[in-house]
């Protein structure tokens, strides 16, 4: 049994973690962008899964926290960001088949991030080359670790 996140309501099992990894591998997306208010000096990571049927999205929220967003103009999506996104990726990483290398790059960038990314243009260049230019384009790409 794994530890429940503060914003989740169900303790994810090893099978839940493996299933979530499969969902992310096939349907998930990874975002990295510069945000943090008017100065836009904070590196923010996000993990999202979009589905027309939101049952799966609420399943993810129950086990891994985050939020489910719905609107008339967009397909519903589950989203978790920054520290929680990195935590989710660490939990599912052993089970990833397709996007493991992309997630490893996120870990490297996250561990080497600066308090103020505008202070180091070389760091932003690394971020841009990994995730694309401009707005750092989207890549389609407390728990215990499980071996898959």
Protein backbone atom coordinates (compact mmCIF):
# COMPACT_ATOMS: atom_id res chain seq x y z
CA UNK A 1 0.00 0.00 0.00
CA UNK A 2 1.31 3.44 -0.83
CA UNK A 3 0.97 6.74 0.99
CA UNK A 4 -1.97 8.90 -0.03
CA UNK A 5 -1.26 12.41 -1.33
CA UNK A 6 -2.91 15.24 0.63
CA UNK A 7 -5.22 16.11 -2.28
CA UNK A 8 -6.02 12.54 -3.26
CA UNK A 9 -8.71 10.40 -1.66
CA UNK A 10 -7.55 6.85 -2.47
CA UNK A 11 -4.21 5.20 -1.75
CA UNK A 12 -2.81 4.08 -5.13
CA UNK A 13 -1.74 0.45 -5.35
CA UNK A 14 1.21 -0.84 -7.36
CA UNK A 15 -1.29 -1.84 -10.05
CA UNK A 16 -2.75 1.72 -10.02
CA UNK A 17 0.75 3.14 -10.48
CA UNK A 18 1.50 0.81 -13.40
CA UNK A 19 -1.85 1.64 -15.00
CA UNK A 20 -1.22 5.39 -14.57
CA UNK A 21 2.16 4.95 -16.26
CA UNK A 22 0.45 3.30 -19.22
CA UNK A 23 -2.09 6.10 -19.41
CA UNK A 24 0.67 8.71 -19.39
CA UNK A 25 2.77 6.77 -21.94
CA UNK A 26 -0.15 6.63 -24.38
CA UNK A 27 -2.31 9.67 -23.66
CA UNK A 28 -0.36 12.03 -21.42
CA UNK A 29 1.35 15.29 -22.17
CA UNK A 30 4.16 17.11 -20.45
CA UNK A 31 4.47 20.89 -20.24
CA UNK A 32 7.34 23.13 -19.15
CA UNK A 33 7.03 26.89 -19.21
CA UNK A 34 8.18 30.05 -17.54
CA UNK A 35 5.55 31.56 -15.26
CA UNK A 36 5.21 32.85 -11.73
CA UNK A 37 3.39 36.13 -11.81
CA UNK A 38 4.25 39.43 -13.45
CA UNK A 39 8.03 38.82 -13.43
CA UNK A 40 7.61 35.43 -15.17
CA UNK A 41 10.70 34.03 -13.43
CA UNK A 42 9.59 30.60 -12.24
CA UNK A 43 10.04 27.31 -14.07
CA UNK A 44 6.77 25.38 -14.01
CA UNK A 45 6.23 21.77 -15.05
CA UNK A 46 2.86 20.17 -15.73
CA UNK A 47 1.51 16.73 -16.51
CA UNK A 48 -1.88 16.40 -18.23
CA UNK A 49 -4.15 13.71 -19.59
CA UNK A 50 -7.13 14.64 -21.78
CA UNK A 51 -10.10 12.34 -22.41
CA UNK A 52 -13.63 12.91 -23.70
CA UNK A 53 -14.91 10.54 -21.02
CA UNK A 54 -13.81 12.04 -17.71
CA UNK A 55 -14.12 8.85 -15.61
CA UNK A 56 -10.42 8.11 -16.12
CA UNK A 57 -9.52 11.70 -15.22
CA UNK A 58 -11.33 11.50 -11.89
CA UNK A 59 -9.66 8.10 -11.29
CA UNK A 60 -6.26 9.83 -11.67
CA UNK A 61 -7.30 12.69 -9.39
CA UNK A 62 -8.50 10.28 -6.69
CA UNK A 63 -5.16 8.45 -6.64
CA UNK A 64 -2.57 11.08 -7.55
CA UNK A 65 -4.13 14.45 -6.71
CA UNK A 66 -4.28 17.34 -9.14
CA UNK A 67 -7.39 18.78 -10.74
CA UNK A 68 -9.87 17.91 -13.47
CA UNK A 69 -10.68 20.84 -15.72
CA UNK A 70 -13.82 21.01 -17.84
CA UNK A 71 -15.07 23.65 -20.24
CA UNK A 72 -17.44 23.79 -23.18
CA UNK A 73 -14.68 24.47 -25.70
CA UNK A 74 -12.06 21.92 -24.56
CA UNK A 75 -11.87 18.21 -23.91
CA UNK A 76 -11.74 17.56 -20.14
CA UNK A 77 -8.25 17.11 -18.73
CA UNK A 78 -6.54 16.03 -15.53
CA UNK A 79 -3.60 18.24 -14.60
CA UNK A 80 -0.95 18.26 -11.90
CA UNK A 81 1.87 20.81 -11.79
CA UNK A 82 5.44 21.51 -10.64
CA UNK A 83 6.47 19.53 -7.52
CA UNK A 84 3.39 17.32 -7.71
CA UNK A 85 3.99 16.72 -11.43
CA UNK A 86 7.60 15.71 -10.79
CA UNK A 87 6.48 13.47 -7.90
CA UNK A 88 3.92 11.77 -10.18
CA UNK A 89 6.59 11.24 -12.85
CA UNK A 90 9.01 9.75 -10.29
CA UNK A 91 6.37 7.29 -9.17
CA UNK A 92 5.48 6.11 -12.67
CA UNK A 93 8.99 6.29 -14.17
CA UNK A 94 9.91 2.60 -13.56
CA UNK A 95 6.83 1.55 -15.56
CA UNK A 96 7.23 3.85 -18.58
CA UNK A 97 7.98 2.21 -21.91
CA UNK A 98 7.76 5.05 -24.45
CA UNK A 99 8.44 8.32 -22.62
CA UNK A 100 11.08 7.32 -20.09
CA UNK A 101 13.86 9.33 -21.76
CA UNK A 102 11.70 12.50 -21.87
CA UNK A 103 10.86 12.09 -18.19
CA UNK A 104 14.55 11.61 -17.32
CA UNK A 105 15.28 14.91 -19.08
CA UNK A 106 12.57 16.60 -17.00
CA UNK A 107 14.22 15.26 -13.84
CA UNK A 108 17.59 16.64 -14.92
CA UNK A 109 16.16 20.09 -15.71
CA UNK A 110 14.08 20.10 -12.50
CA UNK A 111 17.07 19.21 -10.32
CA UNK A 112 19.23 21.88 -11.99
CA UNK A 113 16.63 24.65 -12.09
CA UNK A 114 17.42 28.10 -10.77
CA UNK A 115 15.40 30.15 -8.34
CA UNK A 116 15.18 32.82 -11.03
CA UNK A 117 15.50 31.34 -14.52
CA UNK A 118 15.95 34.80 -16.05
CA UNK A 119 19.32 35.04 -14.24
CA UNK A 120 20.80 32.33 -16.43
CA UNK A 121 20.14 32.59 -20.16
CA UNK A 122 22.24 29.48 -20.81
CA UNK A 123 19.87 27.52 -18.58
CA UNK A 124 16.88 28.81 -20.54
CA UNK A 125 18.68 27.83 -23.74
CA UNK A 126 19.02 24.28 -22.38
CA UNK A 127 15.35 24.27 -21.49
CA UNK A 128 14.37 25.55 -24.94
CA UNK A 129 16.54 23.03 -26.77
CA UNK A 130 15.02 20.19 -24.77
CA UNK A 131 11.37 21.22 -25.05
CA UNK A 132 11.40 23.48 -28.12
CA UNK A 133 11.58 27.22 -28.59
CA UNK A 134 9.14 29.99 -27.79
CA UNK A 135 6.92 29.17 -24.85
CA UNK A 136 8.92 25.96 -24.37
CA UNK A 137 6.62 23.84 -26.49
CA UNK A 138 4.59 20.99 -25.11
CA UNK A 139 6.05 17.51 -25.47
CA UNK A 140 3.64 14.66 -26.07
CA UNK A 141 5.29 12.48 -24.29
CA UNK A 142 4.35 10.36 -0.90
CA UNK A 143 4.12 7.28 -3.19
CA UNK A 144 6.36 4.27 -3.13
CA UNK A 145 8.22 3.23 -6.25
CA UNK A 146 7.16 0.05 -7.94
CA UNK A 147 9.20 -2.12 -10.26
CA UNK A 148 7.44 -2.91 -13.53
